[in-house]
Amino acid sequence: MPAIAAIKTGTDPVAPLPAAAFHRTLEEPIYCPRCEATYNLVVDYDWAVSRHFENESRRHVALLRKTITRGHGVGHRITHFETNGVVVVGHKAEVSVELPVMPRHVM
């Protein structure tokens, strides 16, 4: 079963998109019901234009919608989700932290 990615509007994907020759962004994004956060859905083009896409993707979209609603409590820190219809994986952006250089003590 193909995967669907949900990427917060105004951000870039922080992990590779689901495997596909071409991707398509669906026309209806997912909105957080408590704030103005919006997530665009990205899917495999061939699957998106298939006859049974609406029925086959229903579970995927429901899982993503529930995850995005629950993410409101932490301020939508995770900007990239992906699901295969069974589990939802949240991809976090890697934050680079520079440690201060400590001077050496000379004895």
PDB file of N, CA and C in Angstrom:
ATOM      1  N   MET A   1       0.859  -1.175   0.000  1.00  0.00           N
ATOM      2  CA  MET A   1       0.000   0.000   0.000  1.00  0.00           C
ATOM      3  C   MET A   1       0.902   1.234   0.000  1.00  0.00           C
ATOM      4  N   PRO A   2       0.654   2.186  -0.879  1.00  0.00           N
ATOM      5  CA  PRO A   2       1.454   3.419  -0.912  1.00  0.00           C
ATOM      6  C   PRO A   2       1.260   4.251   0.356  1.00  0.00           C
ATOM      7  N   ALA A   3       2.143   5.198   0.528  1.00  0.00           N
ATOM      8  CA  ALA A   3       2.110   6.052   1.708  1.00  0.00           C
ATOM      9  C   ALA A   3       1.669   7.463   1.337  1.00  0.00           C
ATOM     10  N   ILE A   4       1.173   8.188   2.342  1.00  0.00           N
ATOM     11  CA  ILE A   4       0.809   9.595   2.188  1.00  0.00           C
ATOM     12  C   ILE A   4       1.639  10.389   3.183  1.00  0.00           C
ATOM     13  N   ALA A   5       2.194  11.510   2.721  1.00  0.00           N
ATOM     14  CA  ALA A   5       2.951  12.404   3.597  1.00  0.00           C
ATOM     15  C   ALA A   5       2.128  13.662   3.831  1.00  0.00           C
ATOM     16  N   ALA A   6       2.180  14.186   5.046  1.00  0.00           N
ATOM     17  CA  ALA A   6       1.537  15.452   5.393  1.00  0.00           C
ATOM     18  C   ALA A   6       2.638  16.413   5.808  1.00  0.00           C
ATOM     19  N   ILE A   7       2.751  17.524   5.076  1.00  0.00           N
ATOM     20  CA  ILE A   7       3.820  18.489   5.313  1.00  0.00           C
ATOM     21  C   ILE A   7       3.191  19.829   5.651  1.00  0.00           C
ATOM     22  N   LYS A   8       3.617  20.398   6.777  1.00  0.00           N
ATOM     23  CA  LYS A   8       3.055  21.661   7.235  1.00  0.00           C
ATOM     24  C   LYS A   8       3.333  22.761   6.212  1.00  0.00           C
ATOM     25  N   THR A   9       2.316  23.560   5.930  1.00  0.00           N
ATOM     26  CA  THR A   9       2.440  24.641   4.974  1.00  0.00           C
ATOM     27  C   THR A   9       3.518  25.617   5.426  1.00  0.00           C
ATOM     28  N   GLY A  10       4.364  26.014   4.489  1.00  0.00           N
ATOM     29  CA  GLY A  10       5.433  26.963   4.791  1.00  0.00           C
ATOM     30  C   GLY A  10       6.725  26.308   5.234  1.00  0.00           C
ATOM     31  N   THR A  11       6.762  24.976   5.288  1.00  0.00           N
ATOM     32  CA  THR A  11       7.978  24.261   5.664  1.00  0.00           C
ATOM     33  C   THR A  11       8.365  23.302   4.551  1.00  0.00           C
ATOM     34  N   ASP A  12       9.593  22.864   4.582  1.00  0.00           N
ATOM     35  CA  ASP A  12      10.086  21.881   3.621  1.00  0.00           C
ATOM     36  C   ASP A  12      10.038  20.501   4.255  1.00  0.00           C
ATOM     37  N   PRO A  13       9.972  19.447   3.433  1.00  0.00           N
ATOM     38  CA  PRO A  13      10.035  18.092   3.993  1.00  0.00           C
ATOM     39  C   PRO A  13      11.372  17.884   4.702  1.00  0.00           C
ATOM     40  N   VAL A  14      11.353  17.226   5.840  1.00  0.00           N
ATOM     41  CA  VAL A  14      12.582  16.975   6.586  1.00  0.00           C
ATOM     42  C   VAL A  14      13.068  15.544   6.397  1.00  0.00           C
ATOM     43  N   ALA A  15      12.346  14.758   5.629  1.00  0.00           N
ATOM     44  CA  ALA A  15      12.724  13.385   5.310  1.00  0.00           C
ATOM     45  C   ALA A  15      12.349  13.149   3.850  1.00  0.00           C
ATOM     46  N   PRO A  16      12.876  12.103   3.245  1.00  0.00           N
ATOM     47  CA  PRO A  16      12.492  11.825   1.859  1.00  0.00           C
ATOM     48  C   PRO A  16      10.991  11.572   1.749  1.00  0.00           C
ATOM     49  N   LEU A  17      10.412  12.009   0.644  1.00  0.00           N
ATOM     50  CA  LEU A  17       8.990  11.758   0.399  1.00  0.00           C
ATOM     51  C   LEU A  17       8.780  10.286   0.086  1.00  0.00           C
ATOM     52  N   PRO A  18       7.548   9.787   0.193  1.00  0.00           N
ATOM     53  CA  PRO A  18       7.296   8.378  -0.127  1.00  0.00           C
ATOM     54  C   PRO A  18       7.789   8.032  -1.527  1.00  0.00           C
ATOM     55  N   ALA A  19       8.238   6.809  -1.696  1.00  0.00           N
ATOM     56  CA  ALA A  19       8.775   6.374  -2.983  1.00  0.00           C
ATOM     57  C   ALA A  19       7.721   6.488  -4.073  1.00  0.00           C
ATOM     58  N   ALA A  20       8.077   7.195  -5.156  1.00  0.00           N
ATOM     59  CA  ALA A  20       7.185   7.360  -6.306  1.00  0.00           C
ATOM     60  C   ALA A  20       7.975   7.994  -7.436  1.00  0.00           C
ATOM     61  N   ALA A  21       7.529   7.746  -8.664  1.00  0.00           N
ATOM     62  CA  ALA A  21       8.166   8.385  -9.805  1.00  0.00           C
ATOM     63  C   ALA A  21       7.829   9.878  -9.809  1.00  0.00           C
ATOM     64  N   PHE A  22       6.559  10.188  -9.560  1.00  0.00           N
ATOM     65  CA  PHE A  22       6.100  11.567  -9.486  1.00  0.00           C
ATOM     66  C   PHE A  22       5.197  11.707  -8.272  1.00  0.00           C
ATOM     67  N   HIS A  23       5.198  12.889  -7.663  1.00  0.00           N
ATOM     68  CA  HIS A  23       4.344  13.151  -6.508  1.00  0.00           C
ATOM     69  C   HIS A  23       3.252  14.131  -6.891  1.00  0.00           C
ATOM     70  N   ARG A  24       2.163  14.057  -6.174  1.00  0.00           N
ATOM     71  CA  ARG A  24       1.052  14.971  -6.386  1.00  0.00           C
ATOM     72  C   ARG A  24       0.604  15.496  -5.034  1.00  0.00           C
ATOM     73  N   THR A  25       0.389  16.810  -4.963  1.00  0.00           N
ATOM     74  CA  THR A  25      -0.158  17.415  -3.760  1.00  0.00           C
ATOM     75  C   THR A  25      -1.667  17.445  -3.911  1.00  0.00           C
ATOM     76  N   LEU A  26      -2.370  16.873  -2.950  1.00  0.00           N
ATOM     77  CA  LEU A  26      -3.827  16.820  -3.038  1.00  0.00           C
ATOM     78  C   LEU A  26      -4.423  18.207  -2.843  1.00  0.00           C
ATOM     79  N   GLU A  27      -5.599  18.419  -3.414  1.00  0.00           N
ATOM     80  CA  GLU A  27      -6.238  19.727  -3.381  1.00  0.00           C
ATOM     81  C   GLU A  27      -6.757  20.102  -1.996  1.00  0.00           C
ATOM     82  N   GLU A  28      -7.182  19.119  -1.215  1.00  0.00           N
ATOM     83  CA  GLU A  28      -7.719  19.407   0.118  1.00  0.00           C
ATOM     84  C   GLU A  28      -6.673  19.151   1.191  1.00  0.00           C
ATOM     85  N   PRO A  29      -6.161  20.212   1.830  1.00  0.00           N
ATOM     86  CA  PRO A  29      -5.216  20.002   2.934  1.00  0.00           C
ATOM     87  C   PRO A  29      -5.946  19.602   4.208  1.00  0.00           C
ATOM     88  N   ILE A  30      -5.186  19.264   5.237  1.00  0.00           N
ATOM     89  CA  ILE A  30      -5.753  18.972   6.555  1.00  0.00           C
ATOM     90  C   ILE A  30      -5.516  20.194   7.436  1.00  0.00           C
ATOM     91  N   TYR A  31      -6.568  20.674   8.060  1.00  0.00           N
ATOM     92  CA  TYR A  31      -6.493  21.833   8.948  1.00  0.00           C
ATOM     93  C   TYR A  31      -6.582  21.368  10.393  1.00  0.00           C
ATOM     94  N   CYS A  32      -5.823  22.016  11.267  1.00  0.00           N
ATOM     95  CA  CYS A  32      -5.969  21.772  12.700  1.00  0.00           C
ATOM     96  C   CYS A  32      -7.248  22.493  13.127  1.00  0.00           C
ATOM     97  N   PRO A  33      -8.180  21.802  13.791  1.00  0.00           N
ATOM     98  CA  PRO A  33      -9.440  22.444  14.169  1.00  0.00           C
ATOM     99  C   PRO A  33      -9.294  23.481  15.283  1.00  0.00           C
ATOM    100  N   ARG A  34      -8.157  23.507  15.963  1.00  0.00           N
ATOM    101  CA  ARG A  34      -7.977  24.418  17.094  1.00  0.00           C
ATOM    102  C   ARG A  34      -7.157  25.661  16.753  1.00  0.00           C
ATOM    103  N   CYS A  35      -6.438  25.656  15.639  1.00  0.00           N
ATOM    104  CA  CYS A  35      -5.615  26.811  15.272  1.00  0.00           C
ATOM    105  C   CYS A  35      -5.556  26.917  13.753  1.00  0.00           C
ATOM    106  N   GLU A  36      -4.607  27.643  13.240  1.00  0.00           N
ATOM    107  CA  GLU A  36      -4.553  27.858  11.797  1.00  0.00           C
ATOM    108  C   GLU A  36      -3.483  27.018  11.108  1.00  0.00           C
ATOM    109  N   ALA A  37      -3.011  25.957  11.731  1.00  0.00           N
ATOM    110  CA  ALA A  37      -2.004  25.094  11.117  1.00  0.00           C
ATOM    111  C   ALA A  37      -2.640  24.310   9.970  1.00  0.00           C
ATOM    112  N   THR A  38      -1.929  24.247   8.846  1.00  0.00           N
ATOM    113  CA  THR A  38      -2.412  23.558   7.654  1.00  0.00           C
ATOM    114  C   THR A  38      -1.326  22.606   7.172  1.00  0.00           C
ATOM    115  N   TYR A  39      -1.722  21.393   6.822  1.00  0.00           N
ATOM    116  CA  TYR A  39      -0.795  20.391   6.312  1.00  0.00           C
ATOM    117  C   TYR A  39      -1.238  19.969   4.919  1.00  0.00           C
ATOM    118  N   ASN A  40      -0.313  20.037   3.942  1.00  0.00           N
ATOM    119  CA  ASN A  40      -0.589  19.580   2.585  1.00  0.00           C
ATOM    120  C   ASN A  40      -0.277  18.096   2.480  1.00  0.00           C
ATOM    121  N   LEU A  41      -1.093  17.372   1.731  1.00  0.00           N
ATOM    122  CA  LEU A  41      -0.914  15.932   1.568  1.00  0.00           C
ATOM    123  C   LEU A  41      -0.213  15.643   0.244  1.00  0.00           C
ATOM    124  N   VAL A  42       0.855  14.845   0.307  1.00  0.00           N
ATOM    125  CA  VAL A  42       1.640  14.489  -0.873  1.00  0.00           C
ATOM    126  C   VAL A  42       1.554  12.983  -1.054  1.00  0.00           C
ATOM    127  N   VAL A  43       1.184  12.545  -2.271  1.00  0.00           N
ATOM    128  CA  VAL A  43       1.017  11.118  -2.558  1.00  0.00           C
ATOM    129  C   VAL A  43       1.659  10.777  -3.897  1.00  0.00           C
ATOM    130  N   ASP A  44       1.763   9.485  -4.154  1.00  0.00           N
ATOM    131  CA  ASP A  44       2.219   8.982  -5.436  1.00  0.00           C
ATOM    132  C   ASP A  44       1.196   9.374  -6.503  1.00  0.00           C
ATOM    133  N   TYR A  45       1.649   9.949  -7.600  1.00  0.00           N
ATOM    134  CA  TYR A  45       0.746  10.435  -8.646  1.00  0.00           C
ATOM    135  C   TYR A  45      -0.121   9.307  -9.219  1.00  0.00           C
ATOM    136  N   ASP A  46       0.495   8.170  -9.498  1.00  0.00           N
ATOM    137  CA  ASP A  46      -0.268   7.057 -10.091  1.00  0.00           C
ATOM    138  C   ASP A  46      -1.389   6.588  -9.176  1.00  0.00           C
ATOM    139  N   TRP A  47      -1.130   6.568  -7.874  1.00  0.00           N
ATOM    140  CA  TRP A  47      -2.160   6.156  -6.925  1.00  0.00           C
ATOM    141  C   TRP A  47      -3.236   7.229  -6.811  1.00  0.00           C
ATOM    142  N   ALA A  48      -2.824   8.510  -6.847  1.00  0.00           N
ATOM    143  CA  ALA A  48      -3.776   9.616  -6.690  1.00  0.00           C
ATOM    144  C   ALA A  48      -4.774   9.702  -7.841  1.00  0.00           C
ATOM    145  N   VAL A  49      -4.380   9.272  -9.027  1.00  0.00           N
ATOM    146  CA  VAL A  49      -5.297   9.359 -10.169  1.00  0.00           C
ATOM    147  C   VAL A  49      -6.024   8.047 -10.436  1.00  0.00           C
ATOM    148  N   SER A  50      -5.793   7.040  -9.592  1.00  0.00           N
ATOM    149  CA  SER A  50      -6.474   5.762  -9.791  1.00  0.00           C
ATOM    150  C   SER A  50      -7.956   5.870  -9.416  1.00  0.00           C
ATOM    151  N   ARG A  51      -8.725   4.980  -9.922  1.00  0.00           N
ATOM    152  CA  ARG A  51     -10.175   5.001  -9.740  1.00  0.00           C
ATOM    153  C   ARG A  51     -10.601   4.824  -8.283  1.00  0.00           C
ATOM    154  N   HIS A  52      -9.871   4.033  -7.521  1.00  0.00           N
ATOM    155  CA  HIS A  52     -10.281   3.704  -6.158  1.00  0.00           C
ATOM    156  C   HIS A  52      -9.526   4.496  -5.090  1.00  0.00           C
ATOM    157  N   PHE A  53      -8.849   5.565  -5.493  1.00  0.00           N
ATOM    158  CA  PHE A  53      -8.030   6.325  -4.545  1.00  0.00           C
ATOM    159  C   PHE A  53      -8.846   6.859  -3.374  1.00  0.00           C
ATOM    160  N   GLU A  54     -10.021   7.392  -3.633  1.00  0.00           N
ATOM    161  CA  GLU A  54     -10.822   7.991  -2.557  1.00  0.00           C
ATOM    162  C   GLU A  54     -11.134   6.976  -1.460  1.00  0.00           C
ATOM    163  N   ASN A  55     -11.488   5.765  -1.840  1.00  0.00           N
ATOM    164  CA  ASN A  55     -11.795   4.736  -0.840  1.00  0.00           C
ATOM    165  C   ASN A  55     -10.528   4.183  -0.187  1.00  0.00           C
ATOM    166  N   GLU A  56      -9.474   3.982  -0.978  1.00  0.00           N
ATOM    167  CA  GLU A  56      -8.246   3.398  -0.444  1.00  0.00           C
ATOM    168  C   GLU A  56      -7.497   4.344   0.487  1.00  0.00           C
ATOM    169  N   SER A  57      -7.631   5.640   0.278  1.00  0.00           N
ATOM    170  CA  SER A  57      -6.874   6.610   1.075  1.00  0.00           C
ATOM    171  C   SER A  57      -7.625   7.098   2.313  1.00  0.00           C
ATOM    172  N   ARG A  58      -8.853   6.675   2.480  1.00  0.00           N
ATOM    173  CA  ARG A  58      -9.678   7.163   3.592  1.00  0.00           C
ATOM    174  C   ARG A  58      -9.028   6.899   4.949  1.00  0.00           C
ATOM    175  N   ARG A  59      -8.494   5.707   5.159  1.00  0.00           N
ATOM    176  CA  ARG A  59      -7.859   5.364   6.441  1.00  0.00           C
ATOM    177  C   ARG A  59      -6.594   6.191   6.649  1.00  0.00           C
ATOM    178  N   HIS A  60      -5.798   6.374   5.596  1.00  0.00           N
ATOM    179  CA  HIS A  60      -4.575   7.170   5.688  1.00  0.00           C
ATOM    180  C   HIS A  60      -4.891   8.594   6.155  1.00  0.00           C
ATOM    181  N   VAL A  61      -5.869   9.216   5.509  1.00  0.00           N
ATOM    182  CA  VAL A  61      -6.227  10.598   5.823  1.00  0.00           C
ATOM    183  C   VAL A  61      -6.790  10.706   7.242  1.00  0.00           C
ATOM    184  N   ALA A  62      -7.574   9.728   7.650  1.00  0.00           N
ATOM    185  CA  ALA A  62      -8.138   9.748   9.009  1.00  0.00           C
ATOM    186  C   ALA A  62      -7.025   9.670  10.063  1.00  0.00           C
ATOM    187  N   LEU A  63      -6.022   8.813   9.838  1.00  0.00           N
ATOM    188  CA  LEU A  63      -4.901   8.707  10.776  1.00  0.00           C
ATOM    189  C   LEU A  63      -4.103  10.014  10.833  1.00  0.00           C
ATOM    190  N   LEU A  64      -3.860  10.610   9.673  1.00  0.00           N
ATOM    191  CA  LEU A  64      -3.117  11.874   9.653  1.00  0.00           C
ATOM    192  C   LEU A  64      -3.909  12.992  10.329  1.00  0.00           C
ATOM    193  N   ARG A  65      -5.210  13.038  10.078  1.00  0.00           N
ATOM    194  CA  ARG A  65      -6.055  14.079  10.689  1.00  0.00           C
ATOM    195  C   ARG A  65      -6.030  13.962  12.218  1.00  0.00           C
ATOM    196  N   LYS A  66      -6.116  12.743  12.731  1.00  0.00           N
ATOM    197  CA  LYS A  66      -6.092  12.523  14.178  1.00  0.00           C
ATOM    198  C   LYS A  66      -4.731  12.914  14.755  1.00  0.00           C
ATOM    199  N   THR A  67      -3.650  12.569  14.070  1.00  0.00           N
ATOM    200  CA  THR A  67      -2.308  12.893  14.539  1.00  0.00           C
ATOM    201  C   THR A  67      -2.076  14.400  14.557  1.00  0.00           C
ATOM    202  N   ILE A  68      -2.531  15.097  13.533  1.00  0.00           N
ATOM    203  CA  ILE A  68      -2.351  16.546  13.470  1.00  0.00           C
ATOM    204  C   ILE A  68      -3.157  17.233  14.567  1.00  0.00           C
ATOM    205  N   THR A  69      -4.353  16.755  14.835  1.00  0.00           N
ATOM    206  CA  THR A  69      -5.166  17.328  15.909  1.00  0.00           C
ATOM    207  C   THR A  69      -4.479  17.133  17.251  1.00  0.00           C
ATOM    208  N   ARG A  70      -3.898  15.965  17.479  1.00  0.00           N
ATOM    209  CA  ARG A  70      -3.201  15.707  18.741  1.00  0.00           C
ATOM    210  C   ARG A  70      -1.903  16.495  18.838  1.00  0.00           C
ATOM    211  N   GLY A  71      -1.301  16.849  17.692  1.00  0.00           N
ATOM    212  CA  GLY A  71      -0.063  17.621  17.687  1.00  0.00           C
ATOM    213  C   GLY A  71      -0.255  19.064  18.099  1.00  0.00           C
ATOM    214  N   HIS A  72      -1.503  19.518  18.187  1.00  0.00           N
ATOM    215  CA  HIS A  72      -1.776  20.887  18.606  1.00  0.00           C
ATOM    216  C   HIS A  72      -1.276  21.138  20.026  1.00  0.00           C
ATOM    217  N   GLY A  73      -1.352  20.127  20.869  1.00  0.00           N
ATOM    218  CA  GLY A  73      -0.942  20.272  22.266  1.00  0.00           C
ATOM    219  C   GLY A  73       0.533  20.581  22.439  1.00  0.00           C
ATOM    220  N   VAL A  74       1.357  20.232  21.453  1.00  0.00           N
ATOM    221  CA  VAL A  74       2.792  20.515  21.526  1.00  0.00           C
ATOM    222  C   VAL A  74       3.192  21.592  20.520  1.00  0.00           C
ATOM    223  N   GLY A  75       2.238  22.346  20.045  1.00  0.00           N
ATOM    224  CA  GLY A  75       2.526  23.475  19.178  1.00  0.00           C
ATOM    225  C   GLY A  75       2.915  23.110  17.756  1.00  0.00           C
ATOM    226  N   HIS A  76       2.509  21.959  17.282  1.00  0.00           N
ATOM    227  CA  HIS A  76       2.808  21.508  15.912  1.00  0.00           C
ATOM    228  C   HIS A  76       4.308  21.583  15.617  1.00  0.00           C
ATOM    229  N   ARG A  77       5.115  21.095  16.574  1.00  0.00           N
ATOM    230  CA  ARG A  77       6.570  21.101  16.381  1.00  0.00           C
ATOM    231  C   ARG A  77       6.992  20.175  15.256  1.00  0.00           C
ATOM    232  N   ILE A  78       6.282  19.077  15.072  1.00  0.00           N
ATOM    233  CA  ILE A  78       6.620  18.144  13.995  1.00  0.00           C
ATOM    234  C   ILE A  78       5.912  18.635  12.734  1.00  0.00           C
ATOM    235  N   THR A  79       6.693  18.890  11.690  1.00  0.00           N
ATOM    236  CA  THR A  79       6.140  19.488  10.477  1.00  0.00           C
ATOM    237  C   THR A  79       5.992  18.501   9.331  1.00  0.00           C
ATOM    238  N   HIS A  80       6.385  17.238   9.528  1.00  0.00           N
ATOM    239  CA  HIS A  80       6.334  16.251   8.446  1.00  0.00           C
ATOM    240  C   HIS A  80       5.901  14.904   9.027  1.00  0.00           C
ATOM    241  N   PHE A  81       4.727  14.443   8.608  1.00  0.00           N
ATOM    242  CA  PHE A  81       4.212  13.134   9.010  1.00  0.00           C
ATOM    243  C   PHE A  81       4.095  12.255   7.774  1.00  0.00           C
ATOM    244  N   GLU A  82       4.144  10.941   7.999  1.00  0.00           N
ATOM    245  CA  GLU A  82       3.966   9.995   6.909  1.00  0.00           C
ATOM    246  C   GLU A  82       3.246   8.769   7.445  1.00  0.00           C
ATOM    247  N   THR A  83       2.317   8.223   6.652  1.00  0.00           N
ATOM    248  CA  THR A  83       1.602   7.023   7.070  1.00  0.00           C
ATOM    249  C   THR A  83       1.432   6.075   5.896  1.00  0.00           C
ATOM    250  N   ASN A  84       1.439   4.787   6.220  1.00  0.00           N
ATOM    251  CA  ASN A  84       1.155   3.759   5.232  1.00  0.00           C
ATOM    252  C   ASN A  84      -0.220   3.144   5.480  1.00  0.00           C
ATOM    253  N   GLY A  85      -0.998   3.754   6.350  1.00  0.00           N
ATOM    254  CA  GLY A  85      -2.329   3.254   6.667  1.00  0.00           C
ATOM    255  C   GLY A  85      -2.384   2.456   7.946  1.00  0.00           C
ATOM    256  N   VAL A  86      -1.223   2.129   8.514  1.00  0.00           N
ATOM    257  CA  VAL A  86      -1.172   1.350   9.743  1.00  0.00           C
ATOM    258  C   VAL A  86      -0.615   2.194  10.884  1.00  0.00           C
ATOM    259  N   VAL A  87       0.529   2.835  10.666  1.00  0.00           N
ATOM    260  CA  VAL A  87       1.145   3.688  11.679  1.00  0.00           C
ATOM    261  C   VAL A  87       1.463   5.041  11.063  1.00  0.00           C
ATOM    262  N   VAL A  88       1.593   6.037  11.930  1.00  0.00           N
ATOM    263  CA  VAL A  88       1.999   7.372  11.489  1.00  0.00           C
ATOM    264  C   VAL A  88       3.382   7.636  12.063  1.00  0.00           C
ATOM    265  N   VAL A  89       4.291   8.072  11.196  1.00  0.00           N
ATOM    266  CA  VAL A  89       5.657   8.389  11.610  1.00  0.00           C
ATOM    267  C   VAL A  89       5.837   9.896  11.516  1.00  0.00           C
ATOM    268  N   GLY A  90       6.319  10.500  12.588  1.00  0.00           N
ATOM    269  CA  GLY A  90       6.621  11.931  12.592  1.00  0.00           C
ATOM    270  C   GLY A  90       8.109  12.134  12.402  1.00  0.00           C
ATOM    271  N   HIS A  91       8.479  12.915  11.405  1.00  0.00           N
ATOM    272  CA  HIS A  91       9.895  13.191  11.130  1.00  0.00           C
ATOM    273  C   HIS A  91      10.245  14.542  11.727  1.00  0.00           C
ATOM    274  N   LYS A  92      11.254  14.565  12.584  1.00  0.00           N
ATOM    275  CA  LYS A  92      11.701  15.814  13.203  1.00  0.00           C
ATOM    276  C   LYS A  92      12.903  16.351  12.436  1.00  0.00           C
ATOM    277  N   ALA A  93      12.976  17.664  12.342  1.00  0.00           N
ATOM    278  CA  ALA A  93      14.135  18.294  11.723  1.00  0.00           C
ATOM    279  C   ALA A  93      15.316  18.147  12.664  1.00  0.00           C
ATOM    280  N   GLU A  94      16.462  17.822  12.103  1.00  0.00           N
ATOM    281  CA  GLU A  94      17.650  17.688  12.927  1.00  0.00           C
ATOM    282  C   GLU A  94      18.169  19.078  13.251  1.00  0.00           C
ATOM    283  N   VAL A  95      18.373  19.325  14.520  1.00  0.00           N
ATOM    284  CA  VAL A  95      18.864  20.617  14.979  1.00  0.00           C
ATOM    285  C   VAL A  95      20.331  20.472  15.320  1.00  0.00           C
ATOM    286  N   SER A  96      21.141  21.291  14.686  1.00  0.00           N
ATOM    287  CA  SER A  96      22.567  21.223  14.996  1.00  0.00           C
ATOM    288  C   SER A  96      22.866  22.152  16.169  1.00  0.00           C
ATOM    289  N   VAL A  97      23.583  21.629  17.114  1.00  0.00           N
ATOM    290  CA  VAL A  97      23.917  22.381  18.321  1.00  0.00           C
ATOM    291  C   VAL A  97      25.428  22.553  18.361  1.00  0.00           C
ATOM    292  N   GLU A  98      25.859  23.801  18.448  1.00  0.00           N
ATOM    293  CA  GLU A  98      27.286  24.056  18.552  1.00  0.00           C
ATOM    294  C   GLU A  98      27.654  24.179  20.025  1.00  0.00           C
ATOM    295  N   LEU A  99      28.600  23.378  20.423  1.00  0.00           N
ATOM    296  CA  LEU A  99      29.054  23.420  21.810  1.00  0.00           C
ATOM    297  C   LEU A  99      30.154  24.462  21.942  1.00  0.00           C
ATOM    298  N   PRO A 100      30.166  25.202  23.047  1.00  0.00           N
ATOM    299  CA  PRO A 100      31.220  26.200  23.234  1.00  0.00           C
ATOM    300  C   PRO A 100      32.564  25.528  23.442  1.00  0.00           C
ATOM    301  N   VAL A 101      33.593  26.171  22.946  1.00  0.00           N
ATOM    302  CA  VAL A 101      34.951  25.652  23.102  1.00  0.00           C
ATOM    303  C   VAL A 101      35.433  26.012  24.494  1.00  0.00           C
ATOM    304  N   MET A 102      35.832  25.023  25.233  1.00  0.00           N
ATOM    305  CA  MET A 102      36.306  25.227  26.588  1.00  0.00           C
ATOM    306  C   MET A 102      37.826  25.437  26.555  1.00  0.00           C
ATOM    307  N   PRO A 103      38.314  26.454  27.267  1.00  0.00           N
ATOM    308  CA  PRO A 103      39.772  26.658  27.290  1.00  0.00           C
ATOM    309  C   PRO A 103      40.455  25.544  28.096  1.00  0.00           C
ATOM    310  N   ARG A 104      41.641  25.213  27.667  1.00  0.00           N
ATOM    311  CA  ARG A 104      42.388  24.182  28.384  1.00  0.00           C
ATOM    312  C   ARG A 104      43.085  24.809  29.582  1.00  0.00           C
ATOM    313  N   HIS A 105      43.114  24.100  30.658  1.00  0.00           N
ATOM    314  CA  HIS A 105      43.800  24.559  31.854  1.00  0.00           C
ATOM    315  C   HIS A 105      45.244  24.095  31.787  1.00  0.00           C
ATOM    316  N   VAL A 106      46.143  25.008  31.938  1.00  0.00           N
ATOM    317  CA  VAL A 106      47.565  24.674  31.903  1.00  0.00           C
ATOM    318  C   VAL A 106      48.066  24.605  33.333  1.00  0.00           C
ATOM    319  N   MET A 107      48.766  23.532  33.641  1.00  0.00           N
ATOM    320  CA  MET A 107      49.286  23.368  35.000  1.00  0.00           C
ATOM    321  C   MET A 107      50.748  23.614  35.032  1.00  0.00           C
TER     322      MET A 107
END
